[in-house]
Amino acid sequence: MPTPHPPPAPSLPVWDLPTRLYHWLQAVLVASVLAIGFLAPEWWMGIHVWLGYGVAGLIVFRLVWGVFGSEYSRFTSFIFSPRQTWDHVRGLIRGRPPHSIGHNPLGAVMVFAMIATIAGIVATGLIALGGEENQGPLAGFVGFSVGDGAKEVHSILAIALLVMIGLHIFGVFAESWLGRESLIRTMISGRKRLPPGAALLNPRPARRRAATVATACAGTAIILIGALAGTVPASGLIAMPRQAAFQEECGECHEVYHPSLLPRASWLAMMAGLENHFGEDASLSPDTDQAIADYLAKYASESWDTEAANRLRVVDGAAPAQITATPFWKRKHGEIEKSVFETKPLRGRGNCAACHQDAGSGRFDDQMIAIPEPERPSL
């Protein structure tokens, strides 16, 4: 007689639907945010920011569900001692890791590490958005230097998250192979097999009503606080009146550049040498010259705390009055094809408004960039 096959190991529901939805939504959103942040052009920043808000919402939900969710979604179900974690590592090294119904000790470490890292990325992203870009709920509270520093930390944490994702994927496949059970399938179906000899447990059910109330309260509080914070004017921007002589005299020959794009010394030196203004005589009457010089000196880059003002404040010593000669301008525009600057409506490197739709305000938001396609010869 053929040897009878052993009965399949019993399985039980482990990952509830909210946990599974959170897991896969987080995977999609985080992958999208990282891809845009590392690979997409700057004018995709609006999408990057809104996806980041989505990730933040998922983190809030996971924190709530970690308290009120079903047994194996609760944080208390996968808090392990250092000894338990070390025993699990030793089992992995020997190729015989102990079977865990919920998260194993290393998986638990990864869960907490990824939640903390993603939360840090969201926090530093908000600070960078407010301080460097003068956007978002923190724009009225954070200066450029703080935002610029937060952006560096934001990038470092994003790289750390990429490493964690790689380790997580490796760990999933390693545990699946050693444990003879697909962890990917379990995160889809929600069911895991019971370890041999283990008794069926009576896991705690989810407290759905409490979770709904807590999530609604947390979400409402965050939205209200963000909305109220958003009413505070951006700290890097100032109210600048229109100066008729500046607009008319300068605008007669070229684009009217925002005063924040050069430091005070550069503007004053330019106004003092209008008889040779980039190879042309642009002399004005003494009164008009003085009025424009006073206006530019008052609203030069030192008066602003925007990214453009801070970056362009460092000028080229050989051409201190030329915006397109500044190190920042050349670095930011260095990868743009030369043919783009020759096409309509640019016709040169100095036509900021052709690509930056908000150039007149001095904001230069990434989302407001629209680079014209180079003209192609007709067939």
Protein backbone atom coordinates (compact mmCIF):
# COMPACT_ATOMS: atom_id res chain seq x y z
CA MET A 1 0.00 0.00 0.00
CA PRO A 2 1.24 3.51 -0.78
CA THR A 3 2.39 5.55 2.16
CA PRO A 4 -0.38 8.02 3.05
CA HIS A 5 0.51 11.66 2.82
CA PRO A 6 0.54 13.46 6.15
CA PRO A 7 -2.39 15.78 6.61
CA PRO A 8 -1.61 19.39 5.79
CA ALA A 9 -0.68 21.56 8.73
CA PRO A 10 -3.62 23.58 9.97
CA SER A 11 -3.60 27.30 9.20
CA LEU A 12 -5.18 30.21 10.92
CA PRO A 13 -5.91 33.82 10.01
CA VAL A 14 -3.01 36.00 11.12
CA TRP A 15 -2.90 39.19 9.06
CA ASP A 16 -6.25 40.97 9.04
CA LEU A 17 -7.44 42.87 5.97
CA PRO A 18 -6.50 46.37 7.26
CA THR A 19 -2.94 45.20 7.96
CA ARG A 20 -2.62 43.65 4.51
CA LEU A 21 -4.03 46.73 2.79
CA TYR A 22 -1.67 48.91 4.78
CA HIS A 23 1.30 46.73 3.83
CA TRP A 24 0.67 46.77 0.09
CA LEU A 25 -0.44 50.41 -0.07
CA GLN A 26 2.68 51.42 1.82
CA ALA A 27 4.81 49.38 -0.59
CA VAL A 28 3.27 51.14 -3.61
CA LEU A 29 3.36 54.65 -2.13
CA VAL A 30 6.87 54.39 -0.70
CA ALA A 31 8.21 52.96 -3.96
CA SER A 32 6.55 55.81 -5.89
CA VAL A 33 7.85 58.49 -3.52
CA LEU A 34 11.40 57.12 -3.66
CA ALA A 35 11.33 56.78 -7.44
CA ILE A 36 10.15 60.36 -7.90
CA GLY A 37 12.54 61.70 -5.29
CA PHE A 38 15.60 60.04 -6.80
CA LEU A 39 14.77 59.83 -10.51
CA ALA A 40 12.08 62.31 -11.56
CA PRO A 41 12.68 65.95 -12.56
CA GLU A 42 12.11 68.67 -10.00
CA TRP A 43 8.76 69.76 -11.38
CA TRP A 44 7.33 66.44 -10.17
CA MET A 45 7.72 67.70 -6.62
CA GLY A 46 4.00 68.36 -6.25
CA ILE A 47 3.28 64.67 -6.87
CA HIS A 48 6.12 63.73 -4.51
CA VAL A 49 4.63 65.90 -1.76
CA TRP A 50 1.09 64.55 -2.10
CA LEU A 51 2.33 60.97 -2.13
CA GLY A 52 4.30 61.86 1.00
CA TYR A 53 1.10 63.04 2.65
CA GLY A 54 -0.43 59.68 1.73
CA VAL A 55 2.48 57.85 3.36
CA ALA A 56 2.05 60.01 6.47
CA GLY A 57 -1.63 59.05 6.62
CA LEU A 58 -0.72 55.37 6.41
CA ILE A 59 1.76 55.74 9.25
CA VAL A 60 -0.91 57.37 11.43
CA PHE A 61 -3.27 54.49 10.66
CA ARG A 62 -0.59 51.88 11.44
CA LEU A 63 0.16 53.46 14.79
CA VAL A 64 -3.51 53.36 15.68
CA TRP A 65 -3.97 49.82 14.35
CA GLY A 66 -0.91 48.75 16.29
CA VAL A 67 -2.90 49.48 19.43
CA PHE A 68 -6.44 48.47 18.46
CA GLY A 69 -5.92 45.95 15.65
CA SER A 70 -6.25 42.19 15.86
CA GLU A 71 -3.76 40.06 17.78
CA TYR A 72 -0.85 39.86 15.37
CA SER A 73 -1.20 43.46 14.20
CA ARG A 74 -0.76 44.83 17.71
CA PHE A 75 2.69 46.03 18.64
CA THR A 76 2.50 44.19 21.94
CA SER A 77 2.36 40.87 20.07
CA PHE A 78 5.80 41.31 18.52
CA ILE A 79 7.93 42.93 21.18
CA PHE A 80 10.75 40.48 21.84
CA SER A 81 13.59 40.40 24.32
CA PRO A 82 17.21 40.62 23.12
CA ARG A 83 17.60 36.93 24.06
CA GLN A 84 14.65 35.91 21.86
CA THR A 85 16.02 37.95 19.00
CA TRP A 86 19.47 36.40 19.35
CA ASP A 87 17.99 32.91 19.48
CA HIS A 88 16.18 33.62 16.23
CA VAL A 89 19.40 34.86 14.60
CA ARG A 90 21.21 31.71 15.69
CA GLY A 91 18.41 29.61 14.23
CA LEU A 92 18.75 31.43 10.93
CA ILE A 93 22.49 30.85 10.88
CA ARG A 94 21.91 27.13 11.44
CA GLY A 95 19.23 27.07 8.74
CA ARG A 96 16.51 26.15 11.23
CA PRO A 97 14.77 29.37 12.31
CA PRO A 98 11.97 28.86 14.85
CA HIS A 99 8.55 29.23 13.30
CA SER A 100 6.59 32.31 14.34
CA ILE A 101 2.88 32.73 13.88
CA GLY A 102 3.06 36.49 13.66
CA HIS A 103 6.16 38.60 13.17
CA ASN A 104 9.38 36.89 14.10
CA PRO A 105 11.95 38.85 16.17
CA LEU A 106 13.95 40.12 13.19
CA GLY A 107 10.77 40.97 11.32
CA ALA A 108 9.59 42.93 14.36
CA VAL A 109 12.84 44.89 14.44
CA MET A 110 12.39 45.70 10.76
CA VAL A 111 8.77 46.80 11.29
CA PHE A 112 9.70 49.25 14.04
CA ALA A 113 12.80 50.46 12.17
CA MET A 114 10.88 51.10 8.95
CA ILE A 115 8.02 52.88 10.70
CA ALA A 116 10.50 55.11 12.54
CA THR A 117 12.51 55.80 9.38
CA ILE A 118 9.45 56.58 7.27
CA ALA A 119 8.14 58.86 10.02
CA GLY A 120 11.53 60.61 10.04
CA ILE A 121 11.42 61.00 6.27
CA VAL A 122 7.94 62.54 6.47
CA ALA A 123 8.99 64.91 9.28
CA THR A 124 12.20 66.08 7.57
CA GLY A 125 10.34 66.36 4.28
CA LEU A 126 7.80 68.70 5.85
CA ILE A 127 10.58 70.78 7.41
CA ALA A 128 12.47 70.95 4.11
CA LEU A 129 9.27 71.82 2.24
CA GLY A 130 8.55 74.67 4.63
CA GLY A 131 12.08 76.02 5.06
CA GLU A 132 13.62 75.55 1.63
CA GLU A 133 10.57 75.74 -0.62
CA ASN A 134 8.36 78.09 1.48
CA GLN A 135 5.48 75.67 1.04
CA GLY A 136 3.37 73.44 3.25
CA PRO A 137 2.15 73.80 6.82
CA LEU A 138 5.60 74.71 8.22
CA ALA A 139 6.40 77.48 5.73
CA GLY A 140 5.64 80.17 8.30
CA PHE A 141 7.75 78.63 11.04
CA VAL A 142 10.93 77.26 9.46
CA GLY A 143 13.78 79.23 7.91
CA PHE A 144 15.87 78.29 4.91
CA SER A 145 18.93 77.09 6.83
CA VAL A 146 16.85 74.69 8.94
CA GLY A 147 14.97 73.47 5.88
CA ASP A 148 18.20 73.00 3.95
CA GLY A 149 19.66 70.91 6.79
CA ALA A 150 16.46 68.87 7.01
CA LYS A 151 16.70 68.15 3.30
CA GLU A 152 20.11 66.57 3.82
CA VAL A 153 18.75 64.38 6.62
CA HIS A 154 15.72 63.60 4.42
CA SER A 155 18.01 62.26 1.70
CA ILE A 156 20.10 60.22 4.15
CA LEU A 157 16.98 58.63 5.66
CA ALA A 158 15.66 57.86 2.17
CA ILE A 159 18.87 56.00 1.35
CA ALA A 160 18.66 54.18 4.69
CA LEU A 161 15.09 53.18 3.82
CA LEU A 162 16.23 51.78 0.48
CA VAL A 163 18.76 49.63 2.33
CA MET A 164 16.05 48.46 4.75
CA ILE A 165 13.75 47.58 1.86
CA GLY A 166 16.52 45.51 0.30
CA LEU A 167 17.15 43.71 3.60
CA HIS A 168 13.43 43.21 4.11
CA ILE A 169 12.98 41.62 0.67
CA PHE A 170 16.01 39.41 1.23
CA GLY A 171 14.70 38.40 4.65
CA VAL A 172 11.26 37.55 3.26
CA PHE A 173 12.71 35.21 0.64
CA ALA A 174 15.22 33.70 3.08
CA GLU A 175 12.57 33.04 5.73
CA SER A 176 10.18 31.68 3.10
CA TRP A 177 12.81 29.24 1.84
CA LEU A 178 14.00 28.12 5.26
CA GLY A 179 10.52 27.91 6.74
CA ARG A 180 8.97 26.26 3.66
CA GLU A 181 6.14 28.78 3.62
CA SER A 182 5.69 31.75 1.29
CA LEU A 183 5.49 34.90 3.39
CA ILE A 184 4.34 36.84 0.34
CA ARG A 185 1.37 34.48 -0.04
CA THR A 186 0.53 34.84 3.63
CA MET A 187 0.51 38.62 3.32
CA ILE A 188 -1.97 38.24 0.45
CA SER A 189 -4.26 35.61 1.98
CA GLY A 190 -3.70 36.59 5.59
CA ARG A 191 -3.30 32.98 6.68
CA LYS A 192 -0.26 31.17 8.08
CA ARG A 193 0.22 27.52 8.99
CA LEU A 194 0.41 26.55 12.61
CA PRO A 195 3.82 25.32 13.81
CA PRO A 196 3.97 21.55 14.49
CA GLY A 197 2.78 20.75 17.97
CA ALA A 198 1.39 24.23 18.58
CA ALA A 199 -2.11 24.55 19.97
CA LEU A 200 -4.71 26.74 18.32
CA LEU A 201 -4.75 30.06 20.05
CA ASN A 202 -7.56 32.40 20.93
CA PRO A 203 -6.21 35.66 19.53
CA ARG A 204 -7.63 39.01 20.52
CA PRO A 205 -10.00 40.48 17.93
CA ALA A 206 -9.63 43.94 16.52
CA ARG A 207 -11.33 46.81 18.33
CA ARG A 208 -12.62 48.32 15.13
CA ARG A 209 -14.83 50.98 16.66
CA ALA A 210 -12.04 52.28 18.89
CA ALA A 211 -9.62 52.21 15.93
CA THR A 212 -12.08 54.14 13.75
CA VAL A 213 -12.63 56.79 16.40
CA ALA A 214 -8.89 57.11 17.14
CA THR A 215 -8.00 57.35 13.43
CA ALA A 216 -10.73 59.92 12.79
CA CYS A 217 -9.64 62.04 15.78
CA ALA A 218 -5.96 61.86 14.85
CA GLY A 219 -6.67 62.65 11.19
CA THR A 220 -8.98 65.54 12.05
CA ALA A 221 -6.47 67.00 14.50
CA ILE A 222 -3.62 66.77 11.98
CA ILE A 223 -5.70 68.34 9.19
CA LEU A 224 -6.92 71.19 11.44
CA ILE A 225 -3.43 71.91 12.78
CA GLY A 226 -2.01 71.83 9.25
CA ALA A 227 -4.75 74.12 7.95
CA LEU A 228 -4.23 76.62 10.77
CA ALA A 229 -0.45 76.51 10.33
CA GLY A 230 -0.92 77.06 6.61
CA THR A 231 -2.58 80.41 7.26
CA VAL A 232 0.71 81.81 8.63
CA PRO A 233 2.55 83.64 5.82
CA ALA A 234 5.72 81.96 4.62
CA SER A 235 8.66 83.23 6.66
CA GLY A 236 10.98 83.56 3.65
CA LEU A 237 8.76 85.91 1.66
CA ILE A 238 8.16 89.62 2.19
CA ALA A 239 5.64 92.09 0.82
CA MET A 240 7.29 94.02 -2.00
CA PRO A 241 5.49 96.97 -3.63
CA ARG A 242 5.64 97.54 -7.36
CA GLN A 243 8.18 100.14 -8.46
CA ALA A 244 6.99 101.74 -11.68
CA ALA A 245 10.38 103.06 -12.87
CA PHE A 246 12.05 99.69 -12.30
CA GLN A 247 9.33 97.84 -14.20
CA GLU A 248 9.18 100.29 -17.09
CA GLU A 249 12.84 101.13 -17.62
CA CYS A 250 14.21 97.60 -17.18
CA GLY A 251 11.25 95.91 -18.84
CA GLU A 252 11.72 97.99 -21.98
CA CYS A 253 14.74 95.91 -23.00
CA HIS A 254 14.54 92.57 -21.17
CA GLU A 255 12.74 90.55 -18.54
CA VAL A 256 12.34 92.34 -15.21
CA TYR A 257 14.36 90.24 -12.80
CA HIS A 258 13.16 89.83 -9.26
CA PRO A 259 15.37 91.84 -6.83
CA SER A 260 15.94 88.73 -4.68
CA LEU A 261 18.03 87.12 -7.40
CA LEU A 262 21.18 89.14 -6.66
CA PRO A 263 22.77 90.51 -3.49
CA ARG A 264 22.72 94.22 -2.67
CA ALA A 265 26.32 94.84 -3.71
CA SER A 266 25.72 93.38 -7.17
CA TRP A 267 22.65 95.54 -7.78
CA LEU A 268 24.37 98.71 -6.62
CA ALA A 269 27.44 97.99 -8.75
CA MET A 270 25.19 97.37 -11.74
CA MET A 271 23.28 100.62 -11.23
CA ALA A 272 26.54 102.53 -10.87
CA GLY A 273 27.72 101.33 -14.28
CA LEU A 274 24.67 101.68 -16.51
CA GLU A 275 26.70 103.45 -19.17
CA ASN A 276 28.17 100.00 -19.96
CA HIS A 277 25.30 97.70 -19.08
CA PHE A 278 26.29 94.34 -20.59
CA GLY A 279 27.77 96.14 -23.60
CA GLU A 280 25.06 98.77 -24.00
CA ASP A 281 24.47 102.26 -22.69
CA ALA A 282 21.45 102.08 -20.37
CA SER A 283 22.01 105.39 -18.59
CA LEU A 284 19.05 106.93 -16.80
CA SER A 285 18.32 110.30 -15.28
CA PRO A 286 19.92 110.74 -11.85
CA ASP A 287 16.57 110.70 -10.04
CA THR A 288 15.34 107.56 -11.82
CA ASP A 289 18.71 105.87 -11.35
CA GLN A 290 18.66 106.59 -7.61
CA ALA A 291 15.04 105.49 -7.18
CA ILE A 292 15.68 102.14 -8.85
CA ALA A 293 18.96 101.64 -6.97
CA ASP A 294 17.26 102.30 -3.64
CA TYR A 295 14.49 99.86 -4.53
CA LEU A 296 16.89 97.09 -5.55
CA ALA A 297 19.05 97.64 -2.48
CA LYS A 298 16.03 97.40 -0.19
CA TYR A 299 14.63 94.21 -1.75
CA ALA A 300 17.88 92.47 -2.71
CA SER A 301 18.51 88.84 -1.81
CA GLU A 302 19.57 89.72 1.76
CA SER A 303 15.94 90.67 2.49
CA TRP A 304 14.56 87.28 1.47
CA ASP A 305 14.88 83.75 2.83
CA THR A 306 13.87 81.82 -0.27
CA GLU A 307 15.94 79.11 -1.89
CA ALA A 308 16.66 81.28 -4.94
CA ALA A 309 17.77 84.23 -2.78
CA ASN A 310 20.03 82.12 -0.60
CA ARG A 311 21.58 80.14 -3.45
CA LEU A 312 22.08 83.03 -5.86
CA ARG A 313 23.56 85.24 -3.16
CA VAL A 314 26.89 83.57 -3.93
CA VAL A 315 27.96 85.27 -7.16
CA ASP A 316 30.74 84.75 -9.65
CA GLY A 317 33.62 87.08 -8.74
CA ALA A 318 34.33 87.80 -12.41
CA ALA A 319 30.67 88.58 -13.21
CA PRO A 320 28.96 89.58 -9.94
CA ALA A 321 25.99 91.16 -11.72
CA GLN A 322 25.21 88.20 -13.97
CA ILE A 323 22.62 85.80 -12.57
CA THR A 324 23.40 83.09 -15.12
CA ALA A 325 27.07 83.15 -14.05
CA THR A 326 26.39 82.25 -10.42
CA PRO A 327 27.60 78.76 -9.39
CA PHE A 328 24.10 77.70 -8.37
CA TRP A 329 22.49 78.75 -11.66
CA LYS A 330 25.11 76.91 -13.70
CA ARG A 331 24.81 73.79 -11.56
CA LYS A 332 21.01 73.70 -11.74
CA HIS A 333 20.86 74.35 -15.48
CA GLY A 334 23.95 72.40 -16.52
CA GLU A 335 22.04 69.32 -17.71
CA ILE A 336 19.62 71.23 -19.93
CA GLU A 337 20.36 70.90 -23.64
CA LYS A 338 21.85 74.02 -25.22
CA SER A 339 19.24 73.84 -27.94
CA VAL A 340 16.55 74.52 -25.32
CA PHE A 341 17.99 77.97 -24.62
CA GLU A 342 17.95 78.78 -28.32
CA THR A 343 14.33 77.89 -28.94
CA LYS A 344 11.26 80.06 -28.64
CA PRO A 345 10.22 81.51 -26.27
CA LEU A 346 13.58 81.42 -24.43
CA ARG A 347 15.98 82.90 -26.97
CA GLY A 348 18.80 82.94 -24.43
CA ARG A 349 19.71 81.87 -20.91
CA GLY A 350 18.39 84.98 -19.23
CA ASN A 351 14.67 84.51 -19.90
CA CYS A 352 13.65 83.03 -16.53
CA ALA A 353 9.91 83.51 -17.05
CA ALA A 354 9.91 81.26 -20.11
CA CYS A 355 10.41 78.19 -17.87
CA HIS A 356 9.58 79.45 -14.37
CA GLN A 357 5.94 80.43 -14.44
CA ASP A 358 6.25 82.20 -11.07
CA ALA A 359 9.52 84.03 -11.78
CA GLY A 360 7.89 87.41 -11.22
CA SER A 361 7.10 86.51 -7.60
CA GLY A 362 10.64 85.35 -6.78
CA ARG A 363 9.36 81.99 -5.50
CA PHE A 364 10.64 79.72 -8.26
CA ASP A 365 8.62 76.74 -7.01
CA ASP A 366 9.67 73.44 -8.54
CA GLN A 367 6.09 72.65 -9.52
CA MET A 368 5.96 75.83 -11.61
CA ILE A 369 8.75 74.76 -13.98
CA ALA A 370 7.76 74.04 -17.58
CA ILE A 371 10.72 73.72 -19.94
CA PRO A 372 9.75 74.26 -23.59
CA GLU A 373 10.63 71.48 -26.01
CA PRO A 374 13.48 72.34 -28.40
CA GLU A 375 12.27 73.19 -31.87
CA ARG A 376 12.81 70.39 -34.35
CA PRO A 377 13.52 71.10 -38.00
CA SER A 378 10.46 70.52 -40.17
CA LEU A 379 10.63 67.75 -42.73
